[in-house]
Amino acid sequence: METIELSDNLIRKINDVALDAGNKVISIYEKDFNVQQKSDSSPLTEADLASHQCIVDALSSIAPDIPILSEESADISWAERSAWRTYWLIDPLDGTKEFIKKNGEFTINIALIQNGTPVFGSVYAPVLEELYFGGKDIGAWKQTASQKQSISVARSSNPTIRVVGSRSHQSEDIQNYLKQFSNYELVPMGSSLKICLIAEGKADIYPRLGPTSEWDTAAAHAVLKAAGGTCVLYDNNQELMYNTKDSLLNPYFIAQGPTL
C-alpha cells in the first residue's frame, strides 16, 4: 500500500476539500431538505450524500492509490480492509441530528490513517466557519475567515473540570464516571467539535461511554494529538486505534488534555 507524505501542498488540498464539501452542505442546510432513515435507524439527508460524493471524488483525484472508507460507503469487507496500511477515513456529515435541528454544531471530517493511527485530520464546521486541522509533526491549527492560529490543550489544572458532552441526556455510566470529580461543569456540544474544544483548550475531558464509529472520531483525534492531548480506551488507557478489527465501532474512550 502506498504511503503519502504530508506536504504543505497536500494539507492545503485536503483542507480545501473539507471547505468545498462544507459549501455543498450549507447550500442544502439553508433550504428545505428530506430526511431518510438508514437501516440502523440513524438519519440520512441529501447533504450527507452530496458531501460524501464531493470528498470521495476529490480525494480519488488527489491520491488515486489510497483507499477511502466513508460512513456512506462502509460496506467494505474486513478481508479487504485488513490489508490497508494507509487510507482516508471520512465522515461527510458528522452530527446529522444537529444538522436536522439546525443548531450549526455539525462537521465535515477527513482523516488520514497510517498503521492504525490518525496522522492528519481536517474538521470543518461550515455554519461556524471554523476549520480545525493538525497532524504528525505539523502541530494543530484553527482557521477562520479572518485568521489562522496555532492551538493546544489547556496546560494548567483548573479547579473546575470542564467536561464536554452531548446535548442529550447523560447516561448513568457517564454520571457515575463524573463522580470522581469534586467540581465540574458540563460543556454541551455536538459532533466532533467536542474533541476539538479540548484541542483548543476550551474543555478538559470528553468521556465517551457510548457507541461511536471510527469515522466519528478519527479526524478530531488527529487534531487533538497534534495539540498535545490524548484519546485513550476507557478500560486500559491504550490509544484508540483504527481499522484493527472487523467492527467499525469504537470501544468506550476518554479524550482529554494532558493535565488530568
C-alpha atoms as a PDB file:
ATOM      1  CA  MET A   1       0.000   0.000   0.000  1.00  0.00           C
ATOM      2  CA  GLU A   2       1.364   3.391  -0.947  1.00  0.00           C
ATOM      3  CA  THR A   3       2.302   5.817   1.804  1.00  0.00           C
ATOM      4  CA  ILE A   4       1.688   9.521   1.409  1.00  0.00           C
ATOM      5  CA  GLU A   5       3.783  12.456   2.594  1.00  0.00           C
ATOM      6  CA  LEU A   6       2.084  15.278   4.474  1.00  0.00           C
ATOM      7  CA  SER A   7       3.436  18.187   2.456  1.00  0.00           C
ATOM      8  CA  ASP A   8       2.122  21.733   2.861  1.00  0.00           C
ATOM      9  CA  ASN A   9       0.539  21.387  -0.565  1.00  0.00           C
ATOM     10  CA  LEU A  10      -1.289  18.179   0.375  1.00  0.00           C
ATOM     11  CA  ILE A  11      -2.533  19.682   3.644  1.00  0.00           C
ATOM     12  CA  ARG A  12      -3.891  22.680   1.773  1.00  0.00           C
ATOM     13  CA  LYS A  13      -5.630  20.408  -0.735  1.00  0.00           C
ATOM     14  CA  ILE A  14      -7.271  18.299   1.993  1.00  0.00           C
ATOM     15  CA  ASN A  15      -8.484  21.395   3.815  1.00  0.00           C
ATOM     16  CA  ASP A  16      -9.872  22.757   0.546  1.00  0.00           C
ATOM     17  CA  VAL A  17     -11.803  19.509   0.071  1.00  0.00           C
ATOM     18  CA  ALA A  18     -13.361  19.927   3.527  1.00  0.00           C
ATOM     19  CA  LEU A  19     -14.272  23.540   2.719  1.00  0.00           C
ATOM     20  CA  ASP A  20     -15.796  22.576  -0.640  1.00  0.00           C
ATOM     21  CA  ALA A  21     -17.852  19.822   0.991  1.00  0.00           C
ATOM     22  CA  GLY A  22     -18.948  22.326   3.611  1.00  0.00           C
ATOM     23  CA  ASN A  23     -20.200  24.693   0.926  1.00  0.00           C
ATOM     24  CA  LYS A  24     -22.289  21.896  -0.588  1.00  0.00           C
ATOM     25  CA  VAL A  25     -23.701  21.032   2.825  1.00  0.00           C
ATOM     26  CA  ILE A  26     -24.585  24.669   3.576  1.00  0.00           C
ATOM     27  CA  SER A  27     -26.426  25.063   0.273  1.00  0.00           C
ATOM     28  CA  ILE A  28     -28.720  22.222   1.379  1.00  0.00           C
ATOM     29  CA  TYR A  29     -28.864  23.329   5.038  1.00  0.00           C
ATOM     30  CA  GLU A  30     -30.325  26.683   4.036  1.00  0.00           C
ATOM     31  CA  LYS A  31     -33.332  25.170   2.251  1.00  0.00           C
ATOM     32  CA  ASP A  32     -35.939  22.524   2.995  1.00  0.00           C
ATOM     33  CA  PHE A  33     -34.482  19.019   2.777  1.00  0.00           C
ATOM     34  CA  ASN A  34     -35.732  15.462   3.135  1.00  0.00           C
ATOM     35  CA  VAL A  35     -34.656  13.144   5.940  1.00  0.00           C
ATOM     36  CA  GLN A  36     -34.431   9.383   5.363  1.00  0.00           C
ATOM     37  CA  GLN A  37     -33.769   6.564   7.815  1.00  0.00           C
ATOM     38  CA  LYS A  38     -30.811   4.230   7.365  1.00  0.00           C
ATOM     39  CA  SER A  39     -31.012   0.549   8.252  1.00  0.00           C
ATOM     40  CA  ASP A  40     -29.718   1.287  11.766  1.00  0.00           C
ATOM     41  CA  SER A  41     -32.461   3.947  12.181  1.00  0.00           C
ATOM     42  CA  SER A  42     -29.957   6.814  12.068  1.00  0.00           C
ATOM     43  CA  PRO A  43     -30.960   9.796   9.914  1.00  0.00           C
ATOM     44  CA  LEU A  44     -29.624  10.456   6.414  1.00  0.00           C
ATOM     45  CA  THR A  45     -30.038  13.632   4.366  1.00  0.00           C
ATOM     46  CA  GLU A  46     -29.110  14.645   0.843  1.00  0.00           C
ATOM     47  CA  ALA A  47     -26.345  16.734   2.432  1.00  0.00           C
ATOM     48  CA  ASP A  48     -24.643  13.558   3.744  1.00  0.00           C
ATOM     49  CA  LEU A  49     -24.634  12.112   0.245  1.00  0.00           C
ATOM     50  CA  ALA A  50     -23.575  15.312  -1.533  1.00  0.00           C
ATOM     51  CA  SER A  51     -20.673  15.808   0.868  1.00  0.00           C
ATOM     52  CA  HIS A  52     -19.657  12.159   0.535  1.00  0.00           C
ATOM     53  CA  GLN A  53     -19.522  12.359  -3.264  1.00  0.00           C
ATOM     54  CA  CYS A  54     -17.621  15.649  -3.192  1.00  0.00           C
ATOM     55  CA  ILE A  55     -14.957  14.298  -0.821  1.00  0.00           C
ATOM     56  CA  VAL A  56     -14.570  10.903  -2.498  1.00  0.00           C
ATOM     57  CA  ASP A  57     -14.189  12.450  -5.955  1.00  0.00           C
ATOM     58  CA  ALA A  58     -11.611  14.957  -4.713  1.00  0.00           C
ATOM     59  CA  LEU A  59      -9.512  12.517  -2.667  1.00  0.00           C
ATOM     60  CA  SER A  60      -9.568   9.991  -5.514  1.00  0.00           C
ATOM     61  CA  SER A  61      -8.105  12.692  -7.742  1.00  0.00           C
ATOM     62  CA  ILE A  62      -5.502  13.819  -5.193  1.00  0.00           C
ATOM     63  CA  ALA A  63      -4.267  10.311  -4.320  1.00  0.00           C
ATOM     64  CA  PRO A  64      -5.728   7.646  -6.633  1.00  0.00           C
ATOM     65  CA  ASP A  65      -3.922   4.748  -4.905  1.00  0.00           C
ATOM     66  CA  ILE A  66      -5.128   5.489  -1.368  1.00  0.00           C
ATOM     67  CA  PRO A  67      -8.383   3.697  -0.446  1.00  0.00           C
ATOM     68  CA  ILE A  68     -11.285   5.569   1.132  1.00  0.00           C
ATOM     69  CA  LEU A  69     -13.628   4.491   3.918  1.00  0.00           C
ATOM     70  CA  SER A  70     -16.658   6.720   4.428  1.00  0.00           C
ATOM     71  CA  GLU A  71     -19.697   6.432   6.640  1.00  0.00           C
ATOM     72  CA  GLU A  72     -21.736   6.424   3.449  1.00  0.00           C
ATOM     73  CA  SER A  73     -19.684   3.631   1.834  1.00  0.00           C
ATOM     74  CA  ALA A  74     -18.779   1.487   4.814  1.00  0.00           C
ATOM     75  CA  ASP A  75     -19.708  -1.910   3.372  1.00  0.00           C
ATOM     76  CA  ILE A  76     -16.087  -2.849   2.632  1.00  0.00           C
ATOM     77  CA  SER A  77     -15.204  -6.286   3.944  1.00  0.00           C
ATOM     78  CA  TRP A  78     -12.713  -6.785   6.759  1.00  0.00           C
ATOM     79  CA  ALA A  79     -10.821  -9.147   4.443  1.00  0.00           C
ATOM     80  CA  GLU A  80     -10.174  -6.180   2.146  1.00  0.00           C
ATOM     81  CA  ARG A  81      -9.719  -3.519   4.816  1.00  0.00           C
ATOM     82  CA  SER A  82      -7.309  -5.589   6.906  1.00  0.00           C
ATOM     83  CA  ALA A  83      -4.662  -5.200   4.176  1.00  0.00           C
ATOM     84  CA  TRP A  84      -4.813  -1.401   4.320  1.00  0.00           C
ATOM     85  CA  ARG A  85      -1.865   0.397   5.910  1.00  0.00           C
ATOM     86  CA  THR A  86      -2.742   3.867   4.627  1.00  0.00           C
ATOM     87  CA  TYR A  87      -6.272   5.069   3.894  1.00  0.00           C
ATOM     88  CA  TRP A  88      -8.662   8.007   4.145  1.00  0.00           C
ATOM     89  CA  LEU A  89     -11.374   7.802   6.805  1.00  0.00           C
ATOM     90  CA  ILE A  90     -14.177  10.322   6.364  1.00  0.00           C
ATOM     91  CA  ASP A  91     -17.476  11.326   7.882  1.00  0.00           C
ATOM     92  CA  PRO A  92     -19.127  13.515   5.250  1.00  0.00           C
ATOM     93  CA  LEU A  93     -21.546  14.984   7.789  1.00  0.00           C
ATOM     94  CA  ASP A  94     -20.825  14.321  11.439  1.00  0.00           C
ATOM     95  CA  GLY A  95     -23.755  15.373  13.563  1.00  0.00           C
ATOM     96  CA  THR A  96     -26.623  14.758  11.155  1.00  0.00           C
ATOM     97  CA  LYS A  97     -29.038  15.174  14.082  1.00  0.00           C
ATOM     98  CA  GLU A  98     -27.533  18.614  14.765  1.00  0.00           C
ATOM     99  CA  PHE A  99     -27.864  19.402  11.054  1.00  0.00           C
ATOM    100  CA  ILE A 100     -31.556  18.487  11.163  1.00  0.00           C
ATOM    101  CA  LYS A 101     -32.045  20.574  14.323  1.00  0.00           C
ATOM    102  CA  LYS A 102     -30.261  23.451  12.542  1.00  0.00           C
ATOM    103  CA  ASN A 103     -28.107  24.347  15.540  1.00  0.00           C
ATOM    104  CA  GLY A 104     -24.893  24.577  13.492  1.00  0.00           C
ATOM    105  CA  GLU A 105     -22.938  22.013  15.521  1.00  0.00           C
ATOM    106  CA  PHE A 106     -22.032  19.611  12.720  1.00  0.00           C
ATOM    107  CA  THR A 107     -18.789  18.988  10.890  1.00  0.00           C
ATOM    108  CA  ILE A 108     -17.092  17.505   7.854  1.00  0.00           C
ATOM    109  CA  ASN A 109     -14.370  15.084   8.992  1.00  0.00           C
ATOM    110  CA  ILE A 110     -11.440  13.920   6.852  1.00  0.00           C
ATOM    111  CA  ALA A 111      -8.655  11.817   8.400  1.00  0.00           C
ATOM    112  CA  LEU A 112      -5.564  10.129   7.029  1.00  0.00           C
ATOM    113  CA  ILE A 113      -4.825   6.857   8.826  1.00  0.00           C
ATOM    114  CA  GLN A 114      -1.466   5.090   8.733  1.00  0.00           C
ATOM    115  CA  ASN A 115      -0.916   1.777  10.524  1.00  0.00           C
ATOM    116  CA  GLY A 116      -3.989   2.266  12.692  1.00  0.00           C
ATOM    117  CA  THR A 117      -3.091   5.804  13.794  1.00  0.00           C
ATOM    118  CA  PRO A 118      -4.648   9.083  12.619  1.00  0.00           C
ATOM    119  CA  VAL A 119      -1.688  11.094  11.286  1.00  0.00           C
ATOM    120  CA  PHE A 120      -3.715  14.009   9.923  1.00  0.00           C
ATOM    121  CA  GLY A 121      -7.209  15.342  10.437  1.00  0.00           C
ATOM    122  CA  SER A 122      -9.297  18.142   8.981  1.00  0.00           C
ATOM    123  CA  VAL A 123     -12.540  19.091  10.765  1.00  0.00           C
ATOM    124  CA  TYR A 124     -14.697  21.817   9.246  1.00  0.00           C
ATOM    125  CA  ALA A 125     -17.787  23.325  10.881  1.00  0.00           C
ATOM    126  CA  PRO A 126     -19.416  25.169   7.948  1.00  0.00           C
ATOM    127  CA  VAL A 127     -22.039  27.167   9.867  1.00  0.00           C
ATOM    128  CA  LEU A 128     -19.429  28.356  12.360  1.00  0.00           C
ATOM    129  CA  GLU A 129     -16.895  28.819   9.535  1.00  0.00           C
ATOM    130  CA  GLU A 130     -14.238  27.165  11.694  1.00  0.00           C
ATOM    131  CA  LEU A 131     -11.634  24.749  10.340  1.00  0.00           C
ATOM    132  CA  TYR A 132      -9.527  22.666  12.709  1.00  0.00           C
ATOM    133  CA  PHE A 133      -6.629  20.690  11.311  1.00  0.00           C
ATOM    134  CA  GLY A 134      -3.478  19.059  12.566  1.00  0.00           C
ATOM    135  CA  GLY A 135      -1.267  16.054  12.442  1.00  0.00           C
ATOM    136  CA  LYS A 136       2.070  14.445  12.980  1.00  0.00           C
ATOM    137  CA  ASP A 137       4.940  16.965  13.010  1.00  0.00           C
ATOM    138  CA  ILE A 138       2.761  19.902  11.882  1.00  0.00           C
ATOM    139  CA  GLY A 139       1.007  20.942  15.087  1.00  0.00           C
ATOM    140  CA  ALA A 140      -2.679  21.782  15.486  1.00  0.00           C
ATOM    141  CA  TRP A 141      -4.404  24.789  13.969  1.00  0.00           C
ATOM    142  CA  LYS A 142      -7.722  26.610  13.906  1.00  0.00           C
ATOM    143  CA  GLN A 143      -8.585  28.681  10.851  1.00  0.00           C
ATOM    144  CA  THR A 144     -11.445  31.135  10.487  1.00  0.00           C
ATOM    145  CA  ALA A 145     -12.280  33.632   7.788  1.00  0.00           C
ATOM    146  CA  SER A 146     -10.107  36.242   9.478  1.00  0.00           C
ATOM    147  CA  GLN A 147      -7.177  34.320  10.952  1.00  0.00           C
ATOM    148  CA  LYS A 148      -5.218  31.108  11.370  1.00  0.00           C
ATOM    149  CA  GLN A 149      -3.791  30.315  14.787  1.00  0.00           C
ATOM    150  CA  SER A 150      -1.917  27.528  16.497  1.00  0.00           C
ATOM    151  CA  ILE A 151      -3.944  25.726  19.175  1.00  0.00           C
ATOM    152  CA  SER A 152      -3.069  23.483  22.103  1.00  0.00           C
ATOM    153  CA  VAL A 153      -4.771  21.786  25.006  1.00  0.00           C
ATOM    154  CA  ALA A 154      -5.077  23.517  28.376  1.00  0.00           C
ATOM    155  CA  ARG A 155      -1.740  23.389  30.186  1.00  0.00           C
ATOM    156  CA  SER A 156      -2.764  24.116  33.785  1.00  0.00           C
ATOM    157  CA  SER A 157      -5.281  22.451  36.034  1.00  0.00           C
ATOM    158  CA  ASN A 158      -8.494  24.357  36.608  1.00  0.00           C
ATOM    159  CA  PRO A 159     -10.355  23.813  39.899  1.00  0.00           C
ATOM    160  CA  THR A 160     -13.482  23.227  37.828  1.00  0.00           C
ATOM    161  CA  ILE A 161     -13.049  20.403  35.304  1.00  0.00           C
ATOM    162  CA  ARG A 162     -14.724  21.309  32.011  1.00  0.00           C
ATOM    163  CA  VAL A 163     -16.432  18.148  30.777  1.00  0.00           C
ATOM    164  CA  VAL A 164     -17.624  18.274  27.194  1.00  0.00           C
ATOM    165  CA  GLY A 165     -20.562  16.056  26.295  1.00  0.00           C
ATOM    166  CA  SER A 166     -23.635  15.516  24.235  1.00  0.00           C
ATOM    167  CA  ARG A 167     -26.598  17.863  24.436  1.00  0.00           C
ATOM    168  CA  SER A 168     -28.802  14.838  25.016  1.00  0.00           C
ATOM    169  CA  HIS A 169     -29.370  13.212  28.405  1.00  0.00           C
ATOM    170  CA  GLN A 170     -26.210  11.921  30.086  1.00  0.00           C
ATOM    171  CA  SER A 171     -26.197   8.157  30.602  1.00  0.00           C
ATOM    172  CA  GLU A 172     -25.914   6.516  34.005  1.00  0.00           C
ATOM    173  CA  ASP A 173     -22.374   5.382  33.069  1.00  0.00           C
ATOM    174  CA  ILE A 174     -21.336   8.987  32.468  1.00  0.00           C
ATOM    175  CA  GLN A 175     -22.959  10.160  35.690  1.00  0.00           C
ATOM    176  CA  ASN A 176     -21.059   7.503  37.632  1.00  0.00           C
ATOM    177  CA  TYR A 177     -17.801   8.402  35.882  1.00  0.00           C
ATOM    178  CA  LEU A 178     -18.169  12.084  36.752  1.00  0.00           C
ATOM    179  CA  LYS A 179     -18.486  11.314  40.469  1.00  0.00           C
ATOM    180  CA  GLN A 180     -14.663  11.192  40.639  1.00  0.00           C
ATOM    181  CA  PHE A 181     -14.535  14.971  40.081  1.00  0.00           C
ATOM    182  CA  SER A 182     -15.343  17.139  43.085  1.00  0.00           C
ATOM    183  CA  ASN A 183     -16.146  20.104  40.863  1.00  0.00           C
ATOM    184  CA  TYR A 184     -17.012  20.051  37.176  1.00  0.00           C
ATOM    185  CA  GLU A 185     -19.117  21.861  34.632  1.00  0.00           C
ATOM    186  CA  LEU A 186     -20.720  20.317  31.568  1.00  0.00           C
ATOM    187  CA  VAL A 187     -19.920  21.960  28.243  1.00  0.00           C
ATOM    188  CA  PRO A 188     -22.587  20.784  25.782  1.00  0.00           C
ATOM    189  CA  MET A 189     -21.541  20.376  22.140  1.00  0.00           C
ATOM    190  CA  GLY A 190     -22.432  18.293  19.105  1.00  0.00           C
ATOM    191  CA  SER A 191     -20.355  16.227  16.654  1.00  0.00           C
ATOM    192  CA  SER A 192     -16.547  16.017  16.636  1.00  0.00           C
ATOM    193  CA  LEU A 193     -16.433  19.618  17.848  1.00  0.00           C
ATOM    194  CA  LYS A 194     -16.408  18.061  21.330  1.00  0.00           C
ATOM    195  CA  ILE A 195     -12.866  16.790  20.792  1.00  0.00           C
ATOM    196  CA  CYS A 196     -11.812  19.989  19.016  1.00  0.00           C
ATOM    197  CA  LEU A 197     -12.830  22.018  22.073  1.00  0.00           C
ATOM    198  CA  ILE A 198     -10.284  20.071  24.099  1.00  0.00           C
ATOM    199  CA  ALA A 199      -7.671  20.561  21.381  1.00  0.00           C
ATOM    200  CA  GLU A 200      -8.028  24.345  21.628  1.00  0.00           C
ATOM    201  CA  GLY A 201      -8.062  24.415  25.418  1.00  0.00           C
ATOM    202  CA  LYS A 202     -11.742  25.276  25.884  1.00  0.00           C
ATOM    203  CA  ALA A 203     -12.584  21.975  27.601  1.00  0.00           C
ATOM    204  CA  ASP A 204     -10.611  19.420  29.608  1.00  0.00           C
ATOM    205  CA  ILE A 205     -12.131  15.999  29.073  1.00  0.00           C
ATOM    206  CA  TYR A 206     -14.665  14.138  26.932  1.00  0.00           C
ATOM    207  CA  PRO A 207     -15.636  10.739  28.348  1.00  0.00           C
ATOM    208  CA  ARG A 208     -17.453   8.760  25.660  1.00  0.00           C
ATOM    209  CA  LEU A 209     -19.143   5.816  27.333  1.00  0.00           C
ATOM    210  CA  GLY A 210     -21.495   5.087  24.480  1.00  0.00           C
ATOM    211  CA  PRO A 211     -21.380   3.944  20.855  1.00  0.00           C
ATOM    212  CA  THR A 212     -19.407   5.817  18.194  1.00  0.00           C
ATOM    213  CA  SER A 213     -17.937   4.748  14.882  1.00  0.00           C
ATOM    214  CA  GLU A 214     -14.360   5.171  13.723  1.00  0.00           C
ATOM    215  CA  TRP A 215     -15.242   7.925  11.237  1.00  0.00           C
ATOM    216  CA  ASP A 216     -16.822   9.941  14.070  1.00  0.00           C
ATOM    217  CA  THR A 217     -13.529  10.420  15.894  1.00  0.00           C
ATOM    218  CA  ALA A 218     -10.504   9.955  13.615  1.00  0.00           C
ATOM    219  CA  ALA A 219     -10.087  13.474  12.210  1.00  0.00           C
ATOM    220  CA  ALA A 220     -10.602  15.248  15.539  1.00  0.00           C
ATOM    221  CA  HIS A 221      -8.396  12.633  17.243  1.00  0.00           C
ATOM    222  CA  ALA A 222      -5.538  13.627  14.909  1.00  0.00           C
ATOM    223  CA  VAL A 223      -6.084  17.302  15.768  1.00  0.00           C
ATOM    224  CA  LEU A 224      -6.169  16.530  19.498  1.00  0.00           C
ATOM    225  CA  LYS A 225      -2.940  14.512  19.338  1.00  0.00           C
ATOM    226  CA  ALA A 226      -1.227  17.336  17.460  1.00  0.00           C
ATOM    227  CA  ALA A 227      -2.469  19.777  20.126  1.00  0.00           C
ATOM    228  CA  GLY A 228      -0.900  17.739  22.939  1.00  0.00           C
ATOM    229  CA  GLY A 229      -3.913  15.725  24.066  1.00  0.00           C
ATOM    230  CA  THR A 230      -4.779  12.045  24.144  1.00  0.00           C
ATOM    231  CA  CYS A 231      -7.645   9.789  23.133  1.00  0.00           C
ATOM    232  CA  VAL A 232      -7.399   6.539  25.062  1.00  0.00           C
ATOM    233  CA  LEU A 233      -9.534   3.500  25.746  1.00  0.00           C
ATOM    234  CA  TYR A 234     -11.656   3.708  28.871  1.00  0.00           C
ATOM    235  CA  ASP A 235     -10.676   0.301  30.241  1.00  0.00           C
ATOM    236  CA  ASN A 236      -6.907   0.119  29.635  1.00  0.00           C
ATOM    237  CA  ASN A 237      -5.609   3.616  28.805  1.00  0.00           C
ATOM    238  CA  GLN A 238      -4.202   2.485  25.437  1.00  0.00           C
ATOM    239  CA  GLU A 239      -4.547   4.827  22.472  1.00  0.00           C
ATOM    240  CA  LEU A 240      -7.706   4.495  20.396  1.00  0.00           C
ATOM    241  CA  MET A 241      -6.746   2.736  17.141  1.00  0.00           C
ATOM    242  CA  TYR A 242      -8.399   2.393  13.736  1.00  0.00           C
ATOM    243  CA  ASN A 243      -9.005  -0.477  11.318  1.00  0.00           C
ATOM    244  CA  THR A 244      -7.679  -3.103  13.699  1.00  0.00           C
ATOM    245  CA  LYS A 245     -10.796  -5.276  13.834  1.00  0.00           C
ATOM    246  CA  ASP A 246     -13.845  -6.370  11.858  1.00  0.00           C
ATOM    247  CA  SER A 247     -16.229  -3.967  13.612  1.00  0.00           C
ATOM    248  CA  LEU A 248     -16.037  -0.251  12.823  1.00  0.00           C
ATOM    249  CA  LEU A 249     -17.458   0.668  16.233  1.00  0.00           C
ATOM    250  CA  ASN A 250     -15.124   2.338  18.733  1.00  0.00           C
ATOM    251  CA  PRO A 251     -14.714   0.986  22.244  1.00  0.00           C
ATOM    252  CA  TYR A 252     -15.522   3.418  25.070  1.00  0.00           C
ATOM    253  CA  PHE A 253     -12.836   6.092  25.201  1.00  0.00           C
ATOM    254  CA  ILE A 254     -11.662   9.205  27.044  1.00  0.00           C
ATOM    255  CA  ALA A 255     -10.400  12.239  25.115  1.00  0.00           C
ATOM    256  CA  GLN A 256      -8.534  14.705  27.311  1.00  0.00           C
ATOM    257  CA  GLY A 257      -5.824  17.270  27.738  1.00  0.00           C
ATOM    258  CA  PRO A 258      -2.594  16.199  29.470  1.00  0.00           C
ATOM    259  CA  THR A 259      -3.374  17.743  32.851  1.00  0.00           C
ATOM    260  CA  LEU A 260      -5.881  15.195  34.174  1.00  0.00           C
END
